[in-house]
PDB file of all heavy atoms in Angstrom:
ATOM      1  N   ALA A   1      25.482 -27.091 200.635  1.00  0.00           N
ATOM      2  CA  ALA A   1      26.283 -26.906 201.804  1.00  0.00           C
ATOM      3  C   ALA A   1      25.308 -26.072 202.809  1.00  0.00           C
ATOM      4  O   ALA A   1      24.282 -25.562 202.396  1.00  0.00           O
ATOM      5  CB  ALA A   1      27.511 -26.083 201.559  1.00  0.00           C
ATOM      6  N   VAL A   2      25.730 -26.107 204.100  1.00  0.00           N
ATOM      7  CA  VAL A   2      25.122 -25.259 205.041  1.00  0.00           C
ATOM      8  C   VAL A   2      26.099 -24.351 205.617  1.00  0.00           C
ATOM      9  O   VAL A   2      27.305 -24.527 205.590  1.00  0.00           O
ATOM     10  CB  VAL A   2      24.487 -26.065 206.267  1.00  0.00           C
ATOM     11  CG1 VAL A   2      23.373 -26.899 205.734  1.00  0.00           C
ATOM     12  CG2 VAL A   2      25.524 -26.903 206.909  1.00  0.00           C
ATOM     13  N   PHE A   3      25.489 -23.100 206.106  1.00  0.00           N
ATOM     14  CA  PHE A   3      26.352 -22.171 206.699  1.00  0.00           C
ATOM     15  C   PHE A   3      26.017 -21.854 208.109  1.00  0.00           C
ATOM     16  O   PHE A   3      24.837 -22.067 208.431  1.00  0.00           O
ATOM     17  CB  PHE A   3      26.270 -20.733 205.893  1.00  0.00           C
ATOM     18  CG  PHE A   3      26.642 -20.906 204.518  1.00  0.00           C
ATOM     19  CD1 PHE A   3      25.828 -21.195 203.452  1.00  0.00           C
ATOM     20  CD2 PHE A   3      28.089 -20.655 204.031  1.00  0.00           C
ATOM     21  CE1 PHE A   3      26.190 -21.312 202.159  1.00  0.00           C
ATOM     22  CE2 PHE A   3      28.340 -20.699 202.824  1.00  0.00           C
ATOM     23  CZ  PHE A   3      27.459 -21.118 201.745  1.00  0.00           C
ATOM     24  N   PHE A   4      26.977 -21.474 208.939  1.00  0.00           N
ATOM     25  CA  PHE A   4      26.722 -21.170 210.337  1.00  0.00           C
ATOM     26  C   PHE A   4      27.881 -20.462 210.912  1.00  0.00           C
ATOM     27  O   PHE A   4      28.940 -20.298 210.191  1.00  0.00           O
ATOM     28  CB  PHE A   4      26.493 -22.534 211.159  1.00  0.00           C
ATOM     29  CG  PHE A   4      27.587 -23.550 210.939  1.00  0.00           C
ATOM     30  CD1 PHE A   4      28.782 -23.545 211.575  1.00  0.00           C
ATOM     31  CD2 PHE A   4      27.435 -24.625 209.934  1.00  0.00           C
ATOM     32  CE1 PHE A   4      29.762 -24.457 211.288  1.00  0.00           C
ATOM     33  CE2 PHE A   4      28.358 -25.558 209.707  1.00  0.00           C
ATOM     34  CZ  PHE A   4      29.564 -25.445 210.424  1.00  0.00           C
ATOM     35  N   THR A   5      27.673 -19.957 212.209  1.00  0.00           N
ATOM     36  CA  THR A   5      28.811 -19.448 212.897  1.00  0.00           C
ATOM     37  C   THR A   5      29.271 -20.422 213.885  1.00  0.00           C
ATOM     38  O   THR A   5      28.540 -21.141 214.414  1.00  0.00           O
ATOM     39  CB  THR A   5      28.429 -18.112 213.467  1.00  0.00           C
ATOM     40  OG1 THR A   5      27.393 -18.264 214.532  1.00  0.00           O
ATOM     41  CG2 THR A   5      28.007 -17.034 212.491  1.00  0.00           C
ATOM     42  N   ALA A   6      30.584 -20.321 214.214  1.00  0.00           N
ATOM     43  CA  ALA A   6      31.096 -21.191 215.200  1.00  0.00           C
ATOM     44  C   ALA A   6      32.371 -20.468 215.818  1.00  0.00           C
ATOM     45  O   ALA A   6      33.190 -19.664 215.019  1.00  0.00           O
ATOM     46  CB  ALA A   6      31.584 -22.467 214.745  1.00  0.00           C
ATOM     47  N   GLU A   7      32.553 -20.517 217.102  1.00  0.00           N
ATOM     48  CA  GLU A   7      33.651 -19.859 217.732  1.00  0.00           C
ATOM     49  C   GLU A   7      34.979 -20.499 217.400  1.00  0.00           C
ATOM     50  O   GLU A   7      35.114 -21.654 217.373  1.00  0.00           O
ATOM     51  CB  GLU A   7      33.480 -19.884 219.313  1.00  0.00           C
ATOM     52  CG  GLU A   7      34.508 -19.121 220.040  1.00  0.00           C
ATOM     53  CD  GLU A   7      34.268 -19.077 221.550  1.00  0.00           C
ATOM     54  OE1 GLU A   7      33.207 -19.562 221.957  1.00  0.00           O
ATOM     55  OE2 GLU A   7      35.106 -18.623 222.259  1.00  0.00           O
ATOM     56  N   THR A   8      35.983 -19.612 217.136  1.00  0.00           N
ATOM     57  CA  THR A   8      37.252 -20.019 216.987  1.00  0.00           C
ATOM     58  C   THR A   8      38.292 -18.920 217.561  1.00  0.00           C
ATOM     59  O   THR A   8      38.056 -17.732 217.162  1.00  0.00           O
ATOM     60  CB  THR A   8      37.752 -20.259 215.470  1.00  0.00           C
ATOM     61  OG1 THR A   8      39.118 -20.727 215.387  1.00  0.00           O
ATOM     62  CG2 THR A   8      37.494 -18.944 214.659  1.00  0.00           C
ATOM     63  N   GLU A   9      39.119 -19.269 218.505  1.00  0.00           N
ATOM     64  CA  GLU A   9      39.862 -18.228 219.203  1.00  0.00           C
ATOM     65  C   GLU A   9      38.907 -17.280 219.959  1.00  0.00           C
ATOM     66  O   GLU A   9      38.049 -17.789 220.711  1.00  0.00           O
ATOM     67  CB  GLU A   9      40.845 -17.518 218.322  1.00  0.00           C
ATOM     68  CG  GLU A   9      41.869 -18.496 217.675  1.00  0.00           C
ATOM     69  CD  GLU A   9      42.605 -17.850 216.643  1.00  0.00           C
ATOM     70  OE1 GLU A   9      42.327 -16.799 216.048  1.00  0.00           O
ATOM     71  OE2 GLU A   9      43.695 -18.472 216.281  1.00  0.00           O
ATOM     72  N   ILE A  10      38.835 -15.942 219.602  1.00  0.00           N
ATOM     73  CA  ILE A  10      37.891 -15.183 220.244  1.00  0.00           C
ATOM     74  C   ILE A  10      36.946 -14.623 219.205  1.00  0.00           C
ATOM     75  O   ILE A  10      36.252 -13.547 219.418  1.00  0.00           O
ATOM     76  CB  ILE A  10      38.517 -13.933 221.035  1.00  0.00           C
ATOM     77  CG1 ILE A  10      39.483 -13.178 220.149  1.00  0.00           C
ATOM     78  CG2 ILE A  10      39.328 -14.615 222.223  1.00  0.00           C
ATOM     79  CD1 ILE A  10      39.977 -11.948 220.903  1.00  0.00           C
ATOM     80  N   ALA A  11      36.968 -15.071 218.035  1.00  0.00           N
ATOM     81  CA  ALA A  11      36.012 -14.688 216.981  1.00  0.00           C
ATOM     82  C   ALA A  11      34.882 -15.592 216.711  1.00  0.00           C
ATOM     83  O   ALA A  11      34.816 -16.677 217.214  1.00  0.00           O
ATOM     84  CB  ALA A  11      36.938 -14.600 215.675  1.00  0.00           C
ATOM     85  N   GLN A  12      33.927 -15.154 215.862  1.00  0.00           N
ATOM     86  CA  GLN A  12      32.776 -16.042 215.575  1.00  0.00           C
ATOM     87  C   GLN A  12      32.608 -15.958 214.024  1.00  0.00           C
ATOM     88  O   GLN A  12      31.676 -15.403 213.535  1.00  0.00           O
ATOM     89  CB  GLN A  12      31.415 -15.438 216.180  1.00  0.00           C
ATOM     90  CG  GLN A  12      31.429 -15.522 217.672  1.00  0.00           C
ATOM     91  CD  GLN A  12      30.941 -16.917 218.084  1.00  0.00           C
ATOM     92  OE1 GLN A  12      30.439 -17.728 217.353  1.00  0.00           O
ATOM     93  NE2 GLN A  12      31.178 -17.121 219.434  1.00  0.00           N
ATOM     94  N   PRO A  13      33.494 -16.558 213.305  1.00  0.00           N
ATOM     95  CA  PRO A  13      33.478 -16.585 211.876  1.00  0.00           C
ATOM     96  C   PRO A  13      32.246 -17.383 211.252  1.00  0.00           C
ATOM     97  O   PRO A  13      31.640 -18.091 211.939  1.00  0.00           O
ATOM     98  CB  PRO A  13      34.809 -17.269 211.411  1.00  0.00           C
ATOM     99  CG  PRO A  13      35.686 -17.394 212.601  1.00  0.00           C
ATOM    100  CD  PRO A  13      34.705 -17.354 213.860  1.00  0.00           C
ATOM    101  N   VAL A  14      31.928 -17.152 210.003  1.00  0.00           N
ATOM    102  CA  VAL A  14      30.992 -17.871 209.226  1.00  0.00           C
ATOM    103  C   VAL A  14      31.708 -18.985 208.620  1.00  0.00           C
ATOM    104  O   VAL A  14      32.820 -18.858 207.917  1.00  0.00           O
ATOM    105  CB  VAL A  14      30.252 -17.042 208.121  1.00  0.00           C
ATOM    106  CG1 VAL A  14      29.308 -17.817 207.321  1.00  0.00           C
ATOM    107  CG2 VAL A  14      29.559 -15.825 208.871  1.00  0.00           C
ATOM    108  N   TRP A  15      31.132 -20.232 208.682  1.00  0.00           N
ATOM    109  CA  TRP A  15      31.710 -21.454 208.184  1.00  0.00           C
ATOM    110  C   TRP A  15      30.815 -22.035 207.076  1.00  0.00           C
ATOM    111  O   TRP A  15      29.547 -21.902 207.058  1.00  0.00           O
ATOM    112  CB  TRP A  15      31.952 -22.457 209.176  1.00  0.00           C
ATOM    113  CG  TRP A  15      32.948 -21.917 210.360  1.00  0.00           C
ATOM    114  CD1 TRP A  15      32.497 -21.126 211.428  1.00  0.00           C
ATOM    115  CD2 TRP A  15      34.202 -22.257 210.538  1.00  0.00           C
ATOM    116  NE1 TRP A  15      33.687 -20.892 212.178  1.00  0.00           N
ATOM    117  CE2 TRP A  15      34.607 -21.668 211.743  1.00  0.00           C
ATOM    118  CE3 TRP A  15      35.192 -22.983 209.805  1.00  0.00           C
ATOM    119  CZ2 TRP A  15      35.923 -21.686 212.217  1.00  0.00           C
ATOM    120  CZ3 TRP A  15      36.485 -23.097 210.412  1.00  0.00           C
ATOM    121  CH2 TRP A  15      36.821 -22.469 211.388  1.00  0.00           C
ATOM    122  N   ARG A  16      31.454 -22.778 206.136  1.00  0.00           N
ATOM    123  CA  ARG A  16      30.646 -23.543 205.165  1.00  0.00           C
ATOM    124  C   ARG A  16      30.913 -25.012 205.361  1.00  0.00           C
ATOM    125  O   ARG A  16      32.129 -25.387 205.373  1.00  0.00           O
ATOM    126  CB  ARG A  16      31.027 -23.092 203.731  1.00  0.00           C
ATOM    127  CG  ARG A  16      30.383 -23.921 202.630  1.00  0.00           C
ATOM    128  CD  ARG A  16      30.903 -23.546 201.170  1.00  0.00           C
ATOM    129  NE  ARG A  16      30.311 -24.404 200.192  1.00  0.00           N
ATOM    130  CZ  ARG A  16      29.633 -24.105 199.246  1.00  0.00           C
ATOM    131  NH1 ARG A  16      29.104 -22.773 199.073  1.00  0.00           N
ATOM    132  NH2 ARG A  16      29.119 -24.983 198.332  1.00  0.00           N
ATOM    133  N   LEU A  17      29.924 -25.874 205.359  1.00  0.00           N
ATOM    134  CA  LEU A  17      30.049 -27.333 205.499  1.00  0.00           C
ATOM    135  C   LEU A  17      29.462 -27.967 204.283  1.00  0.00           C
ATOM    136  O   LEU A  17      28.238 -27.853 204.150  1.00  0.00           O
ATOM    137  CB  LEU A  17      29.420 -27.834 206.836  1.00  0.00           C
ATOM    138  CG  LEU A  17      29.560 -29.321 206.993  1.00  0.00           C
ATOM    139  CD1 LEU A  17      30.918 -29.760 207.040  1.00  0.00           C
ATOM    140  CD2 LEU A  17      28.797 -29.653 208.353  1.00  0.00           C
ATOM    141  N   ASP A  18      30.206 -28.509 203.396  1.00  0.00           N
ATOM    142  CA  ASP A  18      29.693 -29.093 202.215  1.00  0.00           C
ATOM    143  C   ASP A  18      29.155 -30.491 202.426  1.00  0.00           C
ATOM    144  O   ASP A  18      29.537 -31.185 203.428  1.00  0.00           O
ATOM    145  CB  ASP A  18      30.762 -29.217 201.138  1.00  0.00           C
ATOM    146  CG  ASP A  18      31.106 -27.809 200.568  1.00  0.00           C
ATOM    147  OD1 ASP A  18      30.307 -27.368 199.650  1.00  0.00           O
ATOM    148  OD2 ASP A  18      32.145 -27.357 200.894  1.00  0.00           O
ATOM    149  N   LEU A  19      28.183 -31.044 201.648  1.00  0.00           N
ATOM    150  CA  LEU A  19      27.565 -32.289 201.728  1.00  0.00           C
ATOM    151  C   LEU A  19      28.587 -33.387 201.835  1.00  0.00           C
ATOM    152  O   LEU A  19      28.386 -34.314 202.606  1.00  0.00           O
ATOM    153  CB  LEU A  19      26.675 -32.544 200.731  1.00  0.00           C
ATOM    154  CG  LEU A  19      25.216 -31.920 200.637  1.00  0.00           C
ATOM    155  CD1 LEU A  19      24.437 -32.148 199.424  1.00  0.00           C
ATOM    156  CD2 LEU A  19      24.422 -32.407 201.934  1.00  0.00           C
ATOM    157  N   GLY A  20      29.645 -33.314 201.101  1.00  0.00           N
ATOM    158  CA  GLY A  20      30.568 -34.439 201.000  1.00  0.00           C
ATOM    159  C   GLY A  20      31.747 -34.235 202.111  1.00  0.00           C
ATOM    160  O   GLY A  20      32.643 -35.074 202.073  1.00  0.00           O
ATOM    161  N   ALA A  21      31.621 -33.238 202.934  1.00  0.00           N
ATOM    162  CA  ALA A  21      32.707 -32.979 203.830  1.00  0.00           C
ATOM    163  C   ALA A  21      32.261 -33.233 205.351  1.00  0.00           C
ATOM    164  O   ALA A  21      31.102 -33.329 205.620  1.00  0.00           O
ATOM    165  CB  ALA A  21      33.227 -31.495 203.763  1.00  0.00           C
ATOM    166  N   ALA A  22      33.238 -33.450 206.161  1.00  0.00           N
ATOM    167  CA  ALA A  22      32.917 -33.682 207.615  1.00  0.00           C
ATOM    168  C   ALA A  22      33.443 -32.493 208.420  1.00  0.00           C
ATOM    169  O   ALA A  22      33.173 -32.369 209.590  1.00  0.00           O
ATOM    170  CB  ALA A  22      33.551 -35.023 208.082  1.00  0.00           C
ATOM    171  N   VAL A  23      34.336 -31.663 207.757  1.00  0.00           N
ATOM    172  CA  VAL A  23      35.017 -30.528 208.518  1.00  0.00           C
ATOM    173  C   VAL A  23      34.645 -29.250 207.649  1.00  0.00           C
ATOM    174  O   VAL A  23      34.870 -29.250 206.544  1.00  0.00           O
ATOM    175  CB  VAL A  23      36.455 -30.774 208.746  1.00  0.00           C
ATOM    176  CG1 VAL A  23      37.082 -29.491 209.336  1.00  0.00           C
ATOM    177  CG2 VAL A  23      36.792 -31.964 209.552  1.00  0.00           C
ATOM    178  N   PRO A  24      34.065 -28.207 208.277  1.00  0.00           N
ATOM    179  CA  PRO A  24      33.752 -26.958 207.578  1.00  0.00           C
ATOM    180  C   PRO A  24      34.960 -26.136 207.211  1.00  0.00           C
ATOM    181  O   PRO A  24      36.127 -26.388 207.755  1.00  0.00           O
ATOM    182  CB  PRO A  24      32.820 -26.276 208.530  1.00  0.00           C
ATOM    183  CG  PRO A  24      33.310 -26.729 209.918  1.00  0.00           C
ATOM    184  CD  PRO A  24      33.688 -28.129 209.748  1.00  0.00           C
ATOM    185  N   VAL A  25      34.718 -25.174 206.380  1.00  0.00           N
ATOM    186  CA  VAL A  25      35.790 -24.175 205.919  1.00  0.00           C
ATOM    187  C   VAL A  25      35.396 -22.882 206.376  1.00  0.00           C
ATOM    188  O   VAL A  25      34.238 -22.463 206.142  1.00  0.00           O
ATOM    189  CB  VAL A  25      36.008 -24.324 204.459  1.00  0.00           C
ATOM    190  CG1 VAL A  25      36.957 -23.284 203.992  1.00  0.00           C
ATOM    191  CG2 VAL A  25      36.385 -25.670 203.977  1.00  0.00           C
ATOM    192  N   GLU A  26      36.258 -22.114 206.928  1.00  0.00           N
ATOM    193  CA  GLU A  26      35.996 -20.758 207.377  1.00  0.00           C
ATOM    194  C   GLU A  26      35.978 -19.906 206.119  1.00  0.00           C
ATOM    195  O   GLU A  26      36.884 -19.924 205.298  1.00  0.00           O
ATOM    196  CB  GLU A  26      37.068 -20.239 208.323  1.00  0.00           C
ATOM    197  CG  GLU A  26      36.788 -18.862 208.741  1.00  0.00           C
ATOM    198  CD  GLU A  26      37.908 -18.198 209.660  1.00  0.00           C
ATOM    199  OE1 GLU A  26      38.540 -19.028 210.308  1.00  0.00           O
ATOM    200  OE2 GLU A  26      38.017 -17.019 209.663  1.00  0.00           O
ATOM    201  N   ILE A  27      34.917 -19.104 205.945  1.00  0.00           N
ATOM    202  CA  ILE A  27      34.767 -18.277 204.822  1.00  0.00           C
ATOM    203  C   ILE A  27      34.718 -16.809 204.998  1.00  0.00           C
ATOM    204  O   ILE A  27      34.907 -15.949 204.180  1.00  0.00           O
ATOM    205  CB  ILE A  27      33.507 -18.558 203.895  1.00  0.00           C
ATOM    206  CG1 ILE A  27      32.169 -18.460 204.768  1.00  0.00           C
ATOM    207  CG2 ILE A  27      33.615 -20.090 203.477  1.00  0.00           C
ATOM    208  CD1 ILE A  27      30.943 -18.633 203.892  1.00  0.00           C
ATOM    209  N   ARG A  28      34.355 -16.442 206.283  1.00  0.00           N
ATOM    210  CA  ARG A  28      34.127 -14.916 206.475  1.00  0.00           C
ATOM    211  C   ARG A  28      34.397 -14.699 208.047  1.00  0.00           C
ATOM    212  O   ARG A  28      33.967 -15.383 208.888  1.00  0.00           O
ATOM    213  CB  ARG A  28      32.762 -14.526 206.150  1.00  0.00           C
ATOM    214  CG  ARG A  28      32.571 -13.046 205.989  1.00  0.00           C
ATOM    215  CD  ARG A  28      31.132 -12.785 205.519  1.00  0.00           C
ATOM    216  NE  ARG A  28      30.845 -13.251 204.166  1.00  0.00           N
ATOM    217  CZ  ARG A  28      31.090 -12.507 203.073  1.00  0.00           C
ATOM    218  NH1 ARG A  28      31.481 -11.271 203.126  1.00  0.00           N
ATOM    219  NH2 ARG A  28      30.868 -13.042 201.829  1.00  0.00           N
ATOM    220  N   ARG A  29      35.138 -13.621 208.301  1.00  0.00           N
ATOM    221  CA  ARG A  29      35.403 -13.268 209.642  1.00  0.00           C
ATOM    222  C   ARG A  29      35.330 -11.791 209.823  1.00  0.00           C
ATOM    223  O   ARG A  29      35.627 -10.951 208.902  1.00  0.00           O
ATOM    224  CB  ARG A  29      36.874 -13.639 210.045  1.00  0.00           C
ATOM    225  CG  ARG A  29      37.149 -13.404 211.551  1.00  0.00           C
ATOM    226  CD  ARG A  29      38.622 -13.837 211.879  1.00  0.00           C
ATOM    227  NE  ARG A  29      38.710 -15.268 211.829  1.00  0.00           N
ATOM    228  CZ  ARG A  29      39.521 -15.981 212.656  1.00  0.00           C
ATOM    229  NH1 ARG A  29      40.178 -15.428 213.560  1.00  0.00           N
ATOM    230  NH2 ARG A  29      39.692 -17.317 212.457  1.00  0.00           N
ATOM    231  N   GLY A  30      34.756 -11.330 211.042  1.00  0.00           N
ATOM    232  CA  GLY A  30      34.600  -9.885 211.227  1.00  0.00           C
ATOM    233  C   GLY A  30      35.894  -9.185 211.386  1.00  0.00           C
ATOM    234  O   GLY A  30      36.931  -9.686 211.589  1.00  0.00           O
ATOM    235  N   PRO A  31      35.785  -7.857 211.376  1.00  0.00           N
ATOM    236  CA  PRO A  31      36.918  -6.938 211.488  1.00  0.00           C
ATOM    237  C   PRO A  31      37.506  -7.138 212.992  1.00  0.00           C
ATOM    238  O   PRO A  31      36.826  -7.331 213.904  1.00  0.00           O
ATOM    239  CB  PRO A  31      36.522  -5.537 211.191  1.00  0.00           C
ATOM    240  CG  PRO A  31      35.095  -5.717 211.510  1.00  0.00           C
ATOM    241  CD  PRO A  31      34.623  -6.987 211.196  1.00  0.00           C
ATOM    242  N   GLY A  32      38.814  -6.911 213.175  1.00  0.00           N
ATOM    243  CA  GLY A  32      39.499  -6.850 214.452  1.00  0.00           C
ATOM    244  C   GLY A  32      39.570  -8.347 214.955  1.00  0.00           C
ATOM    245  O   GLY A  32      39.793  -9.263 214.224  1.00  0.00           O
ATOM    246  N   GLN A  33      39.385  -8.480 216.245  1.00  0.00           N
ATOM    247  CA  GLN A  33      39.585  -9.722 216.867  1.00  0.00           C
ATOM    248  C   GLN A  33      38.355 -10.601 217.171  1.00  0.00           C
ATOM    249  O   GLN A  33      38.350 -11.536 217.676  1.00  0.00           O
ATOM    250  CB  GLN A  33      40.308  -9.470 218.231  1.00  0.00           C
ATOM    251  CG  GLN A  33      41.681  -8.969 218.117  1.00  0.00           C
ATOM    252  CD  GLN A  33      42.558  -9.936 217.400  1.00  0.00           C
ATOM    253  OE1 GLN A  33      42.626 -11.078 217.558  1.00  0.00           O
ATOM    254  NE2 GLN A  33      43.346  -9.290 216.423  1.00  0.00           N
TER     255      GLN A  33
END
């Protein structure tokens, strides 16, 4: 898989995108908003 950040709402969570997937999964988000 690859990891990256991507904006969602007003946050920049870390996402994981697996080789067999087309849509990533959010795995980590910072505190607050």
